[in-house]
N, C-alpha and C. Protein backbone atom coordinates (compact mmCIF):
# COMPACT_ATOMS: atom_id res chain seq x y z
N UNK A 1 0.84 -1.17 0.00
CA UNK A 1 0.00 0.00 0.00
C UNK A 1 0.89 1.25 0.00
N UNK A 2 0.54 2.23 -0.79
CA UNK A 2 1.29 3.47 -0.87
C UNK A 2 0.77 4.43 0.20
N UNK A 3 1.62 4.80 1.16
CA UNK A 3 1.18 5.63 2.29
C UNK A 3 1.74 7.04 2.22
N UNK A 4 2.11 7.50 1.05
CA UNK A 4 2.63 8.85 0.92
C UNK A 4 1.50 9.86 1.00
N UNK A 5 1.79 10.98 1.67
CA UNK A 5 0.77 12.02 1.79
C UNK A 5 0.83 12.96 0.59
N UNK A 6 -0.28 13.59 0.33
CA UNK A 6 -0.34 14.54 -0.77
C UNK A 6 0.22 15.90 -0.35
N UNK A 7 0.34 16.78 -1.30
CA UNK A 7 0.90 18.11 -1.06
C UNK A 7 0.01 18.92 -0.11
N UNK A 8 -1.30 18.91 -0.34
CA UNK A 8 -2.20 19.69 0.49
C UNK A 8 -2.26 19.15 1.92
N UNK A 9 -2.16 17.84 2.08
CA UNK A 9 -2.16 17.25 3.41
C UNK A 9 -0.91 17.68 4.18
N UNK A 10 0.23 17.67 3.52
CA UNK A 10 1.47 18.10 4.15
C UNK A 10 1.44 19.57 4.53
N UNK A 11 0.91 20.41 3.64
CA UNK A 11 0.81 21.83 3.93
C UNK A 11 -0.15 22.10 5.09
N UNK A 12 -1.26 21.35 5.14
CA UNK A 12 -2.21 21.50 6.24
C UNK A 12 -1.58 21.10 7.57
N UNK A 13 -0.82 20.01 7.56
CA UNK A 13 -0.14 19.57 8.78
C UNK A 13 0.87 20.62 9.24
N UNK A 14 1.62 21.19 8.31
CA UNK A 14 2.60 22.23 8.67
C UNK A 14 1.90 23.48 9.19
N UNK A 15 0.75 23.84 8.60
CA UNK A 15 -0.01 24.98 9.09
C UNK A 15 -0.50 24.74 10.52
N UNK A 16 -1.02 23.55 10.78
CA UNK A 16 -1.49 23.23 12.13
C UNK A 16 -0.34 23.20 13.14
N UNK A 17 0.83 22.70 12.72
CA UNK A 17 2.00 22.74 13.59
C UNK A 17 2.40 24.17 13.90
N UNK A 18 2.34 25.05 12.91
CA UNK A 18 2.70 26.45 13.11
C UNK A 18 1.75 27.13 14.08
N UNK A 19 0.45 26.88 13.92
CA UNK A 19 -0.54 27.49 14.81
C UNK A 19 -0.36 26.98 16.23
N UNK A 20 -0.20 25.67 16.39
CA UNK A 20 -0.01 25.08 17.71
C UNK A 20 1.29 25.55 18.36
N UNK A 21 2.37 25.63 17.56
CA UNK A 21 3.66 26.08 18.08
C UNK A 21 3.58 27.53 18.55
N UNK A 22 2.93 28.39 17.77
CA UNK A 22 2.78 29.79 18.16
C UNK A 22 2.00 29.94 19.46
N UNK A 23 0.91 29.19 19.58
CA UNK A 23 0.11 29.26 20.81
C UNK A 23 0.88 28.74 22.01
N UNK A 24 1.56 27.63 21.86
CA UNK A 24 2.33 27.08 22.98
C UNK A 24 3.50 27.99 23.37
N UNK A 25 4.14 28.62 22.39
CA UNK A 25 5.24 29.54 22.71
C UNK A 25 4.73 30.77 23.44
N UNK A 26 3.58 31.28 23.05
CA UNK A 26 3.01 32.42 23.75
C UNK A 26 2.56 32.05 25.16
N UNK A 27 2.09 30.83 25.34
CA UNK A 27 1.56 30.40 26.63
C UNK A 27 2.66 29.92 27.57
N UNK A 28 3.59 29.10 27.06
CA UNK A 28 4.59 28.46 27.93
C UNK A 28 6.02 28.80 27.57
N UNK A 29 6.30 29.22 26.37
CA UNK A 29 7.67 29.29 25.87
C UNK A 29 8.30 30.66 25.93
N UNK A 30 9.04 30.99 24.88
CA UNK A 30 9.83 32.21 24.82
C UNK A 30 8.96 33.47 24.91
N UNK A 31 7.72 33.42 24.49
CA UNK A 31 6.84 34.57 24.54
C UNK A 31 6.31 34.85 25.93
N UNK A 32 6.63 34.03 26.90
CA UNK A 32 6.12 34.16 28.26
C UNK A 32 6.68 35.39 28.97
N UNK A 33 7.86 35.80 28.63
CA UNK A 33 8.47 36.95 29.28
C UNK A 33 9.89 36.63 29.72
N UNK A 34 10.35 37.33 30.74
CA UNK A 34 11.73 37.19 31.19
C UNK A 34 11.83 36.21 32.34
N UNK A 35 11.32 35.01 32.16
CA UNK A 35 11.42 34.01 33.22
C UNK A 35 12.27 32.84 32.74
N UNK A 36 12.88 32.15 33.67
CA UNK A 36 13.70 30.99 33.33
C UNK A 36 12.86 29.86 32.78
N UNK A 37 11.63 29.71 33.27
CA UNK A 37 10.79 28.64 32.76
C UNK A 37 10.40 28.87 31.31
N UNK A 38 10.26 30.12 30.90
CA UNK A 38 9.96 30.42 29.51
C UNK A 38 11.07 29.98 28.59
N UNK A 39 12.31 30.16 29.01
CA UNK A 39 13.44 29.73 28.18
C UNK A 39 13.52 28.22 28.13
N UNK A 40 13.36 27.57 29.27
CA UNK A 40 13.46 26.10 29.32
C UNK A 40 12.36 25.43 28.53
N UNK A 41 11.13 25.85 28.75
CA UNK A 41 10.00 25.25 28.02
C UNK A 41 10.07 25.62 26.54
N UNK A 42 10.50 26.82 26.24
CA UNK A 42 10.62 27.23 24.85
C UNK A 42 11.62 26.40 24.08
N UNK A 43 12.73 26.08 24.71
CA UNK A 43 13.75 25.27 24.06
C UNK A 43 13.27 23.84 23.85
N UNK A 44 12.58 23.29 24.84
CA UNK A 44 12.04 21.93 24.71
C UNK A 44 10.98 21.89 23.61
N UNK A 45 10.10 22.89 23.58
CA UNK A 45 9.08 22.95 22.52
C UNK A 45 9.72 23.09 21.15
N UNK A 46 10.79 23.85 21.05
CA UNK A 46 11.48 24.02 19.78
C UNK A 46 12.01 22.68 19.27
N UNK A 47 12.64 21.91 20.14
CA UNK A 47 13.19 20.60 19.76
C UNK A 47 12.06 19.67 19.30
N UNK A 48 10.95 19.65 20.05
CA UNK A 48 9.82 18.78 19.70
C UNK A 48 9.24 19.16 18.35
N UNK A 49 9.05 20.46 18.12
CA UNK A 49 8.42 20.88 16.87
C UNK A 49 9.35 20.80 15.67
N UNK A 50 10.66 20.87 15.88
CA UNK A 50 11.58 20.60 14.77
C UNK A 50 11.49 19.14 14.36
N UNK A 51 11.41 18.24 15.36
CA UNK A 51 11.27 16.81 15.06
C UNK A 51 9.95 16.53 14.34
N UNK A 52 8.85 17.15 14.78
CA UNK A 52 7.56 16.95 14.12
C UNK A 52 7.55 17.52 12.71
N UNK A 53 8.21 18.64 12.50
CA UNK A 53 8.29 19.22 11.16
C UNK A 53 9.08 18.31 10.23
N UNK A 54 10.18 17.77 10.71
CA UNK A 54 10.96 16.81 9.90
C UNK A 54 10.13 15.57 9.59
N UNK A 55 9.30 15.15 10.54
CA UNK A 55 8.44 14.00 10.32
C UNK A 55 7.45 14.28 9.20
N UNK A 56 6.88 15.48 9.15
CA UNK A 56 5.93 15.82 8.10
C UNK A 56 6.64 15.97 6.75
N UNK A 57 7.76 16.65 6.73
CA UNK A 57 8.45 16.93 5.47
C UNK A 57 9.05 15.67 4.86
N UNK A 58 9.74 14.87 5.67
CA UNK A 58 10.45 13.70 5.14
C UNK A 58 9.66 12.41 5.27
N UNK A 59 8.40 12.48 5.78
CA UNK A 59 7.51 11.33 5.90
C UNK A 59 8.17 10.19 6.67
N UNK A 60 8.70 10.49 7.83
CA UNK A 60 9.31 9.49 8.68
C UNK A 60 8.37 9.13 9.81
N UNK A 61 8.55 7.94 10.36
CA UNK A 61 7.78 7.50 11.51
C UNK A 61 8.75 7.24 12.65
N UNK A 62 8.83 8.17 13.59
CA UNK A 62 9.80 8.07 14.67
C UNK A 62 9.43 7.00 15.68
N UNK A 63 8.19 6.51 15.66
CA UNK A 63 7.74 5.56 16.64
C UNK A 63 7.74 4.12 16.15
N UNK A 64 8.11 3.90 14.90
CA UNK A 64 8.17 2.55 14.35
C UNK A 64 9.50 1.92 14.74
N UNK A 65 9.43 0.82 15.44
CA UNK A 65 10.64 0.09 15.83
C UNK A 65 10.76 -1.15 14.97
N UNK A 66 11.66 -1.11 14.02
CA UNK A 66 11.84 -2.25 13.13
C UNK A 66 13.07 -2.05 12.26
N UNK A 67 13.43 -3.09 11.58
CA UNK A 67 14.61 -3.04 10.71
C UNK A 67 14.23 -3.30 9.29
């Protein structure tokens, strides 16, 4: 079975990631202000969303354990 996503599906996923990332950054991350928790949570969110973006772009499954 061919499980490749279409162009519009990928763009929609990236749009939803962008909206979610912006909201989380404003709520918990770098947009929170001059607090240490804003920097820590912002950095963790950045790492998570870079991994999710790579998953959408390169069509990888990070949770599949197999050879």
